[in-house]
Amino acid sequence: MVGRHGAMKTSNLLMTQCGGQAVAPASRQVESSSVAGGLDRFLREAEVLEVTSLARSTLWREVKAKRFPSPVPITPGRVGWRASEVVRWQQSPTEWKPQGAA
């Protein structure tokens, strides 16, 4: 299903592309949509909550504990999560580590 701005809606996706490889879906997996030039899409908090099935308090607790990707400041008062990082977390939530971490 396609929403505003031509981006696929995050719910009910069956397949996702990450790094050029098709990934078997978990329920409610997000699509790592990219635009020309390899840019990453930013997900709003509500979209992250929908695709991960986490509660808002759990999301922020996991971010603080570095067990979930940190949001990126977009504008004052607005943050977003890189879709590619959320996809990487979805592939293995219990083993996810921030990129660059040992």
PDB file of N, CA and C in Angstrom:
ATOM      1  N   MET A   1       0.844  -1.163   0.000  1.00  0.00           N
ATOM      2  CA  MET A   1       0.000   0.000   0.000  1.00  0.00           C
ATOM      3  C   MET A   1       0.899   1.239   0.000  1.00  0.00           C
ATOM      4  N   VAL A   2       0.596   2.230  -0.793  1.00  0.00           N
ATOM      5  CA  VAL A   2       1.411   3.423  -0.892  1.00  0.00           C
ATOM      6  C   VAL A   2       0.698   4.593  -0.236  1.00  0.00           C
ATOM      7  N   GLY A   3       1.420   5.308   0.624  1.00  0.00           N
ATOM      8  CA  GLY A   3       0.867   6.470   1.315  1.00  0.00           C
ATOM      9  C   GLY A   3       1.309   7.751   0.637  1.00  0.00           C
ATOM     10  N   ARG A   4       1.183   8.847   1.369  1.00  0.00           N
ATOM     11  CA  ARG A   4       1.615  10.136   0.840  1.00  0.00           C
ATOM     12  C   ARG A   4       3.087  10.088   0.458  1.00  0.00           C
ATOM     13  N   HIS A   5       3.479  10.896  -0.478  1.00  0.00           N
ATOM     14  CA  HIS A   5       4.857  11.048  -0.918  1.00  0.00           C
ATOM     15  C   HIS A   5       5.414   9.779  -1.552  1.00  0.00           C
ATOM     16  N   GLY A   6       4.585   8.835  -1.913  1.00  0.00           N
ATOM     17  CA  GLY A   6       5.016   7.642  -2.617  1.00  0.00           C
ATOM     18  C   GLY A   6       5.740   6.617  -1.764  1.00  0.00           C
ATOM     19  N   ALA A   7       5.822   6.819  -0.454  1.00  0.00           N
ATOM     20  CA  ALA A   7       6.503   5.859   0.407  1.00  0.00           C
ATOM     21  C   ALA A   7       5.537   4.744   0.779  1.00  0.00           C
ATOM     22  N   MET A   8       6.058   3.522   0.870  1.00  0.00           N
ATOM     23  CA  MET A   8       5.196   2.408   1.262  1.00  0.00           C
ATOM     24  C   MET A   8       4.847   2.544   2.729  1.00  0.00           C
ATOM     25  N   LYS A   9       3.606   2.240   3.072  1.00  0.00           N
ATOM     26  CA  LYS A   9       3.215   2.251   4.472  1.00  0.00           C
ATOM     27  C   LYS A   9       3.973   1.147   5.188  1.00  0.00           C
ATOM     28  N   THR A  10       4.222   1.370   6.476  1.00  0.00           N
ATOM     29  CA  THR A  10       5.050   0.429   7.212  1.00  0.00           C
ATOM     30  C   THR A  10       4.292  -0.796   7.698  1.00  0.00           C
ATOM     31  N   SER A  11       2.970  -0.725   7.760  1.00  0.00           N
ATOM     32  CA  SER A  11       2.239  -1.896   8.241  1.00  0.00           C
ATOM     33  C   SER A  11       1.959  -2.853   7.092  1.00  0.00           C
ATOM     34  N   ASN A  12       1.840  -4.108   7.425  1.00  0.00           N
ATOM     35  CA  ASN A  12       1.471  -5.169   6.492  1.00  0.00           C
ATOM     36  C   ASN A  12       2.459  -5.363   5.348  1.00  0.00           C
ATOM     37  N   LEU A  13       3.729  -5.090   5.583  1.00  0.00           N
ATOM     38  CA  LEU A  13       4.719  -5.347   4.542  1.00  0.00           C
ATOM     39  C   LEU A  13       5.155  -6.793   4.632  1.00  0.00           C
ATOM     40  N   LEU A  14       5.353  -7.405   3.486  1.00  0.00           N
ATOM     41  CA  LEU A  14       5.729  -8.806   3.483  1.00  0.00           C
ATOM     42  C   LEU A  14       7.209  -9.021   3.245  1.00  0.00           C
ATOM     43  N   MET A  15       7.846  -8.105   2.578  1.00  0.00           N
ATOM     44  CA  MET A  15       9.272  -8.246   2.312  1.00  0.00           C
ATOM     45  C   MET A  15       9.944  -6.901   2.490  1.00  0.00           C
ATOM     46  N   THR A  16      11.201  -6.919   2.793  1.00  0.00           N
ATOM     47  CA  THR A  16      11.961  -5.674   2.903  1.00  0.00           C
ATOM     48  C   THR A  16      13.299  -5.852   2.215  1.00  0.00           C
ATOM     49  N   GLN A  17      13.828  -4.793   1.726  1.00  0.00           N
ATOM     50  CA  GLN A  17      15.137  -4.819   1.098  1.00  0.00           C
ATOM     51  C   GLN A  17      16.110  -4.115   2.024  1.00  0.00           C
ATOM     52  N   CYS A  18      17.203  -4.738   2.307  1.00  0.00           N
ATOM     53  CA  CYS A  18      18.228  -4.131   3.145  1.00  0.00           C
ATOM     54  C   CYS A  18      19.576  -4.529   2.580  1.00  0.00           C
ATOM     55  N   GLY A  19      20.327  -3.568   2.106  1.00  0.00           N
ATOM     56  CA  GLY A  19      21.628  -3.875   1.532  1.00  0.00           C
ATOM     57  C   GLY A  19      21.521  -4.717   0.290  1.00  0.00           C
ATOM     58  N   GLY A  20      20.406  -4.633  -0.429  1.00  0.00           N
ATOM     59  CA  GLY A  20      20.234  -5.379  -1.659  1.00  0.00           C
ATOM     60  C   GLY A  20      19.793  -6.819  -1.459  1.00  0.00           C
ATOM     61  N   GLN A  21      19.665  -7.270  -0.214  1.00  0.00           N
ATOM     62  CA  GLN A  21      19.236  -8.643   0.041  1.00  0.00           C
ATOM     63  C   GLN A  21      17.798  -8.656   0.531  1.00  0.00           C
ATOM     64  N   ALA A  22      17.029  -9.602   0.023  1.00  0.00           N
ATOM     65  CA  ALA A  22      15.662  -9.761   0.517  1.00  0.00           C
ATOM     66  C   ALA A  22      15.739 -10.406   1.890  1.00  0.00           C
ATOM     67  N   VAL A  23      14.948  -9.893   2.823  1.00  0.00           N
ATOM     68  CA  VAL A  23      14.947 -10.398   4.187  1.00  0.00           C
ATOM     69  C   VAL A  23      13.600 -11.029   4.461  1.00  0.00           C
ATOM     70  N   ALA A  24      13.608 -12.218   5.039  1.00  0.00           N
ATOM     71  CA  ALA A  24      12.352 -12.869   5.389  1.00  0.00           C
ATOM     72  C   ALA A  24      11.622 -11.997   6.395  1.00  0.00           C
ATOM     73  N   PRO A  25      10.336 -11.854   6.251  1.00  0.00           N
ATOM     74  CA  PRO A  25       9.606 -10.916   7.095  1.00  0.00           C
ATOM     75  C   PRO A  25       9.335 -11.446   8.489  1.00  0.00           C
ATOM     76  N   ALA A  26       9.379 -10.544   9.435  1.00  0.00           N
ATOM     77  CA  ALA A  26       8.788 -10.783  10.742  1.00  0.00           C
ATOM     78  C   ALA A  26       7.473 -10.029  10.651  1.00  0.00           C
ATOM     79  N   SER A  27       6.552 -10.283  11.557  1.00  0.00           N
ATOM     80  CA  SER A  27       5.306  -9.537  11.447  1.00  0.00           C
ATOM     81  C   SER A  27       5.605  -8.059  11.621  1.00  0.00           C
ATOM     82  N   ARG A  28       4.954  -7.252  10.834  1.00  0.00           N
ATOM     83  CA  ARG A  28       5.083  -5.795  10.867  1.00  0.00           C
ATOM     84  C   ARG A  28       6.503  -5.313  10.609  1.00  0.00           C
ATOM     85  N   GLN A  29       7.195  -5.878   9.650  1.00  0.00           N
ATOM     86  CA  GLN A  29       8.547  -5.433   9.350  1.00  0.00           C
ATOM     87  C   GLN A  29       8.507  -4.177   8.498  1.00  0.00           C
ATOM     88  N   VAL A  30       9.443  -3.275   8.725  1.00  0.00           N
ATOM     89  CA  VAL A  30       9.482  -2.002   8.013  1.00  0.00           C
ATOM     90  C   VAL A  30      10.309  -2.160   6.741  1.00  0.00           C
ATOM     91  N   GLU A  31       9.930  -1.414   5.730  1.00  0.00           N
ATOM     92  CA  GLU A  31      10.706  -1.430   4.498  1.00  0.00           C
ATOM     93  C   GLU A  31      11.789  -0.383   4.588  1.00  0.00           C
ATOM     94  N   SER A  32      12.996  -0.784   4.260  1.00  0.00           N
ATOM     95  CA  SER A  32      14.106   0.164   4.231  1.00  0.00           C
ATOM     96  C   SER A  32      14.058   0.863   2.890  1.00  0.00           C
ATOM     97  N   SER A  33      13.139   1.819   2.758  1.00  0.00           N
ATOM     98  CA  SER A  33      12.992   2.495   1.486  1.00  0.00           C
ATOM     99  C   SER A  33      14.079   3.529   1.340  1.00  0.00           C
ATOM    100  N   SER A  34      14.637   3.583   0.182  1.00  0.00           N
ATOM    101  CA  SER A  34      15.630   4.599  -0.075  1.00  0.00           C
ATOM    102  C   SER A  34      15.261   5.320  -1.350  1.00  0.00           C
ATOM    103  N   VAL A  35      15.739   6.504  -1.431  1.00  0.00           N
ATOM    104  CA  VAL A  35      15.481   7.336  -2.590  1.00  0.00           C
ATOM    105  C   VAL A  35      16.746   7.375  -3.425  1.00  0.00           C
ATOM    106  N   ALA A  36      16.658   7.986  -4.577  1.00  0.00           N
ATOM    107  CA  ALA A  36      17.820   8.093  -5.446  1.00  0.00           C
ATOM    108  C   ALA A  36      19.006   8.609  -4.650  1.00  0.00           C
ATOM    109  N   GLY A  37      20.155   8.039  -4.902  1.00  0.00           N
ATOM    110  CA  GLY A  37      21.356   8.455  -4.195  1.00  0.00           C
ATOM    111  C   GLY A  37      21.604   7.663  -2.923  1.00  0.00           C
ATOM    112  N   GLY A  38      20.778   6.669  -2.637  1.00  0.00           N
ATOM    113  CA  GLY A  38      20.990   5.828  -1.475  1.00  0.00           C
ATOM    114  C   GLY A  38      20.636   6.478  -0.152  1.00  0.00           C
ATOM    115  N   LEU A  39      19.773   7.481  -0.163  1.00  0.00           N
ATOM    116  CA  LEU A  39      19.368   8.127   1.082  1.00  0.00           C
ATOM    117  C   LEU A  39      18.453   7.210   1.885  1.00  0.00           C
ATOM    118  N   ASP A  40      18.543   7.328   3.196  1.00  0.00           N
ATOM    119  CA  ASP A  40      17.736   6.519   4.101  1.00  0.00           C
ATOM    120  C   ASP A  40      16.470   7.291   4.476  1.00  0.00           C
ATOM    121  N   ARG A  41      15.385   6.581   4.681  1.00  0.00           N
ATOM    122  CA  ARG A  41      14.133   7.207   5.106  1.00  0.00           C
ATOM    123  C   ARG A  41      14.127   7.313   6.628  1.00  0.00           C
ATOM    124  N   PHE A  42      13.583   8.398   7.148  1.00  0.00           N
ATOM    125  CA  PHE A  42      13.422   8.563   8.586  1.00  0.00           C
ATOM    126  C   PHE A  42      12.006   8.165   8.979  1.00  0.00           C
ATOM    127  N   LEU A  43      11.894   7.386  10.058  1.00  0.00           N
ATOM    128  CA  LEU A  43      10.597   6.961  10.579  1.00  0.00           C
ATOM    129  C   LEU A  43      10.246   7.825  11.775  1.00  0.00           C
ATOM    130  N   ARG A  44       8.988   8.224  11.857  1.00  0.00           N
ATOM    131  CA  ARG A  44       8.496   8.951  13.022  1.00  0.00           C
ATOM    132  C   ARG A  44       8.305   7.972  14.172  1.00  0.00           C
ATOM    133  N   GLU A  45       8.184   8.516  15.375  1.00  0.00           N
ATOM    134  CA  GLU A  45       8.011   7.675  16.557  1.00  0.00           C
ATOM    135  C   GLU A  45       6.798   6.750  16.405  1.00  0.00           C
ATOM    136  N   ALA A  46       5.689   7.278  15.927  1.00  0.00           N
ATOM    137  CA  ALA A  46       4.480   6.456  15.771  1.00  0.00           C
ATOM    138  C   ALA A  46       4.717   5.294  14.811  1.00  0.00           C
ATOM    139  N   GLU A  47       5.476   5.531  13.740  1.00  0.00           N
ATOM    140  CA  GLU A  47       5.778   4.451  12.792  1.00  0.00           C
ATOM    141  C   GLU A  47       6.672   3.398  13.437  1.00  0.00           C
ATOM    142  N   VAL A  48       7.656   3.832  14.211  1.00  0.00           N
ATOM    143  CA  VAL A  48       8.548   2.896  14.895  1.00  0.00           C
ATOM    144  C   VAL A  48       7.749   2.045  15.878  1.00  0.00           C
ATOM    145  N   LEU A  49       6.850   2.680  16.625  1.00  0.00           N
ATOM    146  CA  LEU A  49       6.019   1.930  17.573  1.00  0.00           C
ATOM    147  C   LEU A  49       5.146   0.909  16.852  1.00  0.00           C
ATOM    148  N   GLU A  50       4.608   1.299  15.692  1.00  0.00           N
ATOM    149  CA  GLU A  50       3.753   0.390  14.931  1.00  0.00           C
ATOM    150  C   GLU A  50       4.523  -0.820  14.411  1.00  0.00           C
ATOM    151  N   VAL A  51       5.680  -0.587  13.827  1.00  0.00           N
ATOM    152  CA  VAL A  51       6.400  -1.699  13.198  1.00  0.00           C
ATOM    153  C   VAL A  51       7.131  -2.583  14.199  1.00  0.00           C
ATOM    154  N   THR A  52       7.407  -2.062  15.400  1.00  0.00           N
ATOM    155  CA  THR A  52       8.114  -2.876  16.390  1.00  0.00           C
ATOM    156  C   THR A  52       7.189  -3.501  17.423  1.00  0.00           C
ATOM    157  N   SER A  53       5.978  -2.988  17.537  1.00  0.00           N
ATOM    158  CA  SER A  53       5.017  -3.422  18.557  1.00  0.00           C
ATOM    159  C   SER A  53       5.500  -3.121  19.969  1.00  0.00           C
ATOM    160  N   LEU A  54       6.441  -2.190  20.107  1.00  0.00           N
ATOM    161  CA  LEU A  54       6.895  -1.774  21.430  1.00  0.00           C
ATOM    162  C   LEU A  54       5.975  -0.691  21.970  1.00  0.00           C
ATOM    163  N   ALA A  55       5.867  -0.625  23.280  1.00  0.00           N
ATOM    164  CA  ALA A  55       5.175   0.495  23.916  1.00  0.00           C
ATOM    165  C   ALA A  55       6.122   1.693  23.899  1.00  0.00           C
ATOM    166  N   ARG A  56       5.571   2.886  23.976  1.00  0.00           N
ATOM    167  CA  ARG A  56       6.392   4.101  23.923  1.00  0.00           C
ATOM    168  C   ARG A  56       7.455   4.095  25.025  1.00  0.00           C
ATOM    169  N   SER A  57       7.070   3.753  26.244  1.00  0.00           N
ATOM    170  CA  SER A  57       8.030   3.745  27.353  1.00  0.00           C
ATOM    171  C   SER A  57       9.125   2.693  27.138  1.00  0.00           C
ATOM    172  N   THR A  58       8.749   1.555  26.573  1.00  0.00           N
ATOM    173  CA  THR A  58       9.729   0.506  26.289  1.00  0.00           C
ATOM    174  C   THR A  58      10.699   0.961  25.212  1.00  0.00           C
ATOM    175  N   LEU A  59      10.199   1.620  24.173  1.00  0.00           N
ATOM    176  CA  LEU A  59      11.059   2.132  23.110  1.00  0.00           C
ATOM    177  C   LEU A  59      12.147   3.022  23.696  1.00  0.00           C
ATOM    178  N   TRP A  60      11.753   4.005  24.487  1.00  0.00           N
ATOM    179  CA  TRP A  60      12.723   4.951  25.038  1.00  0.00           C
ATOM    180  C   TRP A  60      13.646   4.296  26.060  1.00  0.00           C
ATOM    181  N   ARG A  61      13.153   3.327  26.813  1.00  0.00           N
ATOM    182  CA  ARG A  61      14.013   2.588  27.750  1.00  0.00           C
ATOM    183  C   ARG A  61      15.079   1.808  26.985  1.00  0.00           C
ATOM    184  N   GLU A  62      14.681   1.171  25.874  1.00  0.00           N
ATOM    185  CA  GLU A  62      15.633   0.415  25.055  1.00  0.00           C
ATOM    186  C   GLU A  62      16.650   1.334  24.376  1.00  0.00           C
ATOM    187  N   VAL A  63      16.208   2.515  23.932  1.00  0.00           N
ATOM    188  CA  VAL A  63      17.136   3.501  23.349  1.00  0.00           C
ATOM    189  C   VAL A  63      18.160   3.905  24.403  1.00  0.00           C
ATOM    190  N   LYS A  64      17.692   4.224  25.605  1.00  0.00           N
ATOM    191  CA  LYS A  64      18.584   4.651  26.684  1.00  0.00           C
ATOM    192  C   LYS A  64      19.588   3.558  27.043  1.00  0.00           C
ATOM    193  N   ALA A  65      19.152   2.302  27.021  1.00  0.00           N
ATOM    194  CA  ALA A  65      20.025   1.168  27.342  1.00  0.00           C
ATOM    195  C   ALA A  65      20.886   0.741  26.155  1.00  0.00           C
ATOM    196  N   LYS A  66      20.769   1.454  25.043  1.00  0.00           N
ATOM    197  CA  LYS A  66      21.510   1.162  23.803  1.00  0.00           C
ATOM    198  C   LYS A  66      21.200  -0.228  23.243  1.00  0.00           C
ATOM    199  N   ARG A  67      19.938  -0.654  23.428  1.00  0.00           N
ATOM    200  CA  ARG A  67      19.474  -1.919  22.859  1.00  0.00           C
ATOM    201  C   ARG A  67      18.536  -1.682  21.687  1.00  0.00           C
ATOM    202  N   PHE A  68      18.376  -0.412  21.296  1.00  0.00           N
ATOM    203  CA  PHE A  68      17.561  -0.033  20.144  1.00  0.00           C
ATOM    204  C   PHE A  68      18.227   1.188  19.525  1.00  0.00           C
ATOM    205  N   PRO A  69      18.137   1.341  18.199  1.00  0.00           N
ATOM    206  CA  PRO A  69      18.787   2.485  17.546  1.00  0.00           C
ATOM    207  C   PRO A  69      18.342   3.824  18.137  1.00  0.00           C
ATOM    208  N   SER A  70      19.276   4.729  18.261  1.00  0.00           N
ATOM    209  CA  SER A  70      18.971   6.075  18.748  1.00  0.00           C
ATOM    210  C   SER A  70      18.331   6.893  17.641  1.00  0.00           C
ATOM    211  N   PRO A  71      17.428   7.789  18.017  1.00  0.00           N
ATOM    212  CA  PRO A  71      16.839   8.666  17.006  1.00  0.00           C
ATOM    213  C   PRO A  71      17.846   9.722  16.568  1.00  0.00           C
ATOM    214  N   VAL A  72      17.595  10.284  15.406  1.00  0.00           N
ATOM    215  CA  VAL A  72      18.439  11.330  14.829  1.00  0.00           C
ATOM    216  C   VAL A  72      17.670  12.646  14.895  1.00  0.00           C
ATOM    217  N   PRO A  73      18.271  13.713  15.436  1.00  0.00           N
ATOM    218  CA  PRO A  73      17.569  15.003  15.436  1.00  0.00           C
ATOM    219  C   PRO A  73      17.383  15.495  13.995  1.00  0.00           C
ATOM    220  N   ILE A  74      16.149  15.842  13.637  1.00  0.00           N
ATOM    221  CA  ILE A  74      15.859  16.316  12.284  1.00  0.00           C
ATOM    222  C   ILE A  74      15.685  17.830  12.299  1.00  0.00           C
ATOM    223  N   THR A  75      14.862  18.318  13.190  1.00  0.00           N
ATOM    224  CA  THR A  75      14.665  19.750  13.403  1.00  0.00           C
ATOM    225  C   THR A  75      14.504  19.937  14.911  1.00  0.00           C
ATOM    226  N   PRO A  76      14.504  21.171  15.404  1.00  0.00           N
ATOM    227  CA  PRO A  76      14.240  21.341  16.834  1.00  0.00           C
ATOM    228  C   PRO A  76      12.876  20.741  17.190  1.00  0.00           C
ATOM    229  N   GLY A  77      12.878  19.838  18.140  1.00  0.00           N
ATOM    230  CA  GLY A  77      11.624  19.222  18.568  1.00  0.00           C
ATOM    231  C   GLY A  77      11.171  18.044  17.720  1.00  0.00           C
ATOM    232  N   ARG A  78      11.956  17.625  16.740  1.00  0.00           N
ATOM    233  CA  ARG A  78      11.566  16.499  15.870  1.00  0.00           C
ATOM    234  C   ARG A  78      12.749  15.545  15.711  1.00  0.00           C
ATOM    235  N   VAL A  79      12.510  14.272  15.978  1.00  0.00           N
ATOM    236  CA  VAL A  79      13.532  13.248  15.757  1.00  0.00           C
ATOM    237  C   VAL A  79      12.964  12.168  14.845  1.00  0.00           C
ATOM    238  N   GLY A  80      13.834  11.387  14.278  1.00  0.00           N
ATOM    239  CA  GLY A  80      13.407  10.271  13.441  1.00  0.00           C
ATOM    240  C   GLY A  80      14.413   9.144  13.546  1.00  0.00           C
ATOM    241  N   TRP A  81      13.972   7.952  13.229  1.00  0.00           N
ATOM    242  CA  TRP A  81      14.854   6.790  13.238  1.00  0.00           C
ATOM    243  C   TRP A  81      15.167   6.411  11.805  1.00  0.00           C
ATOM    244  N   ARG A  82      16.407   6.074  11.528  1.00  0.00           N
ATOM    245  CA  ARG A  82      16.783   5.610  10.193  1.00  0.00           C
ATOM    246  C   ARG A  82      16.117   4.252   9.954  1.00  0.00           C
ATOM    247  N   ALA A  83      15.407   4.135   8.854  1.00  0.00           N
ATOM    248  CA  ALA A  83      14.701   2.889   8.533  1.00  0.00           C
ATOM    249  C   ALA A  83      15.671   1.718   8.470  1.00  0.00           C
ATOM    250  N   SER A  84      16.865   1.943   7.924  1.00  0.00           N
ATOM    251  CA  SER A  84      17.839   0.860   7.798  1.00  0.00           C
ATOM    252  C   SER A  84      18.261   0.324   9.166  1.00  0.00           C
ATOM    253  N   GLU A  85      18.364   1.199  10.170  1.00  0.00           N
ATOM    254  CA  GLU A  85      18.734   0.749  11.514  1.00  0.00           C
ATOM    255  C   GLU A  85      17.603  -0.027  12.178  1.00  0.00           C
ATOM    256  N   VAL A  86      16.370   0.408  11.949  1.00  0.00           N
ATOM    257  CA  VAL A  86      15.223  -0.313  12.512  1.00  0.00           C
ATOM    258  C   VAL A  86      15.131  -1.692  11.864  1.00  0.00           C
ATOM    259  N   VAL A  87      15.374  -1.774  10.561  1.00  0.00           N
ATOM    260  CA  VAL A  87      15.373  -3.065   9.863  1.00  0.00           C
ATOM    261  C   VAL A  87      16.458  -3.971  10.436  1.00  0.00           C
ATOM    262  N   ARG A  88      17.646  -3.413  10.660  1.00  0.00           N
ATOM    263  CA  ARG A  88      18.743  -4.207  11.224  1.00  0.00           C
ATOM    264  C   ARG A  88      18.370  -4.722  12.616  1.00  0.00           C
ATOM    265  N   TRP A  89      17.704  -3.885  13.424  1.00  0.00           N
ATOM    266  CA  TRP A  89      17.252  -4.314  14.743  1.00  0.00           C
ATOM    267  C   TRP A  89      16.211  -5.423  14.613  1.00  0.00           C
ATOM    268  N   GLN A  90      15.282  -5.288  13.641  1.00  0.00           N
ATOM    269  CA  GLN A  90      14.227  -6.290  13.461  1.00  0.00           C
ATOM    270  C   GLN A  90      14.795  -7.653  13.082  1.00  0.00           C
ATOM    271  N   GLN A  91      15.902  -7.669  12.397  1.00  0.00           N
ATOM    272  CA  GLN A  91      16.493  -8.937  11.973  1.00  0.00           C
ATOM    273  C   GLN A  91      16.969  -9.764  13.157  1.00  0.00           C
ATOM    274  N   SER A  92      17.394  -9.095  14.231  1.00  0.00           N
ATOM    275  CA  SER A  92      17.860  -9.809  15.414  1.00  0.00           C
ATOM    276  C   SER A  92      17.783  -8.904  16.637  1.00  0.00           C
ATOM    277  N   PRO A  93      16.597  -8.691  17.179  1.00  0.00           N
ATOM    278  CA  PRO A  93      16.424  -7.736  18.287  1.00  0.00           C
ATOM    279  C   PRO A  93      17.284  -8.014  19.520  1.00  0.00           C
ATOM    280  N   THR A  94      17.451  -9.276  19.882  1.00  0.00           N
ATOM    281  CA  THR A  94      18.204  -9.572  21.102  1.00  0.00           C
ATOM    282  C   THR A  94      19.704  -9.479  20.909  1.00  0.00           C
ATOM    283  N   GLU A  95      20.170  -9.514  19.671  1.00  0.00           N
ATOM    284  CA  GLU A  95      21.609  -9.456  19.399  1.00  0.00           C
ATOM    285  C   GLU A  95      22.042  -8.146  18.772  1.00  0.00           C
ATOM    286  N   TRP A  96      21.127  -7.191  18.593  1.00  0.00           N
ATOM    287  CA  TRP A  96      21.438  -5.927  17.923  1.00  0.00           C
ATOM    288  C   TRP A  96      22.457  -5.131  18.720  1.00  0.00           C
ATOM    289  N   LYS A  97      23.423  -4.564  18.007  1.00  0.00           N
ATOM    290  CA  LYS A  97      24.418  -3.661  18.600  1.00  0.00           C
ATOM    291  C   LYS A  97      24.520  -2.452  17.685  1.00  0.00           C
ATOM    292  N   PRO A  98      24.762  -1.258  18.249  1.00  0.00           N
ATOM    293  CA  PRO A  98      24.946  -0.084  17.402  1.00  0.00           C
ATOM    294  C   PRO A  98      26.123  -0.314  16.447  1.00  0.00           C
ATOM    295  N   GLN A  99      26.033   0.195  15.236  1.00  0.00           N
ATOM    296  CA  GLN A  99      27.127   0.034  14.282  1.00  0.00           C
ATOM    297  C   GLN A  99      28.361   0.708  14.851  1.00  0.00           C
ATOM    298  N   GLY A 100      29.500   0.047  14.678  1.00  0.00           N
ATOM    299  CA  GLY A 100      30.743   0.579  15.197  1.00  0.00           C
ATOM    300  C   GLY A 100      31.046   0.093  16.610  1.00  0.00           C
ATOM    301  N   ALA A 101      30.070  -0.573  17.245  1.00  0.00           N
ATOM    302  CA  ALA A 101      30.308  -1.121  18.597  1.00  0.00           C
ATOM    303  C   ALA A 101      30.962  -2.484  18.480  1.00  0.00           C
ATOM    304  N   ALA A 102      31.821  -2.770  19.421  1.00  0.00           N
ATOM    305  CA  ALA A 102      32.536  -4.055  19.387  1.00  0.00           C
ATOM    306  C   ALA A 102      31.676  -5.196  19.829  1.00  0.00           C
TER     307      ALA A 102
END
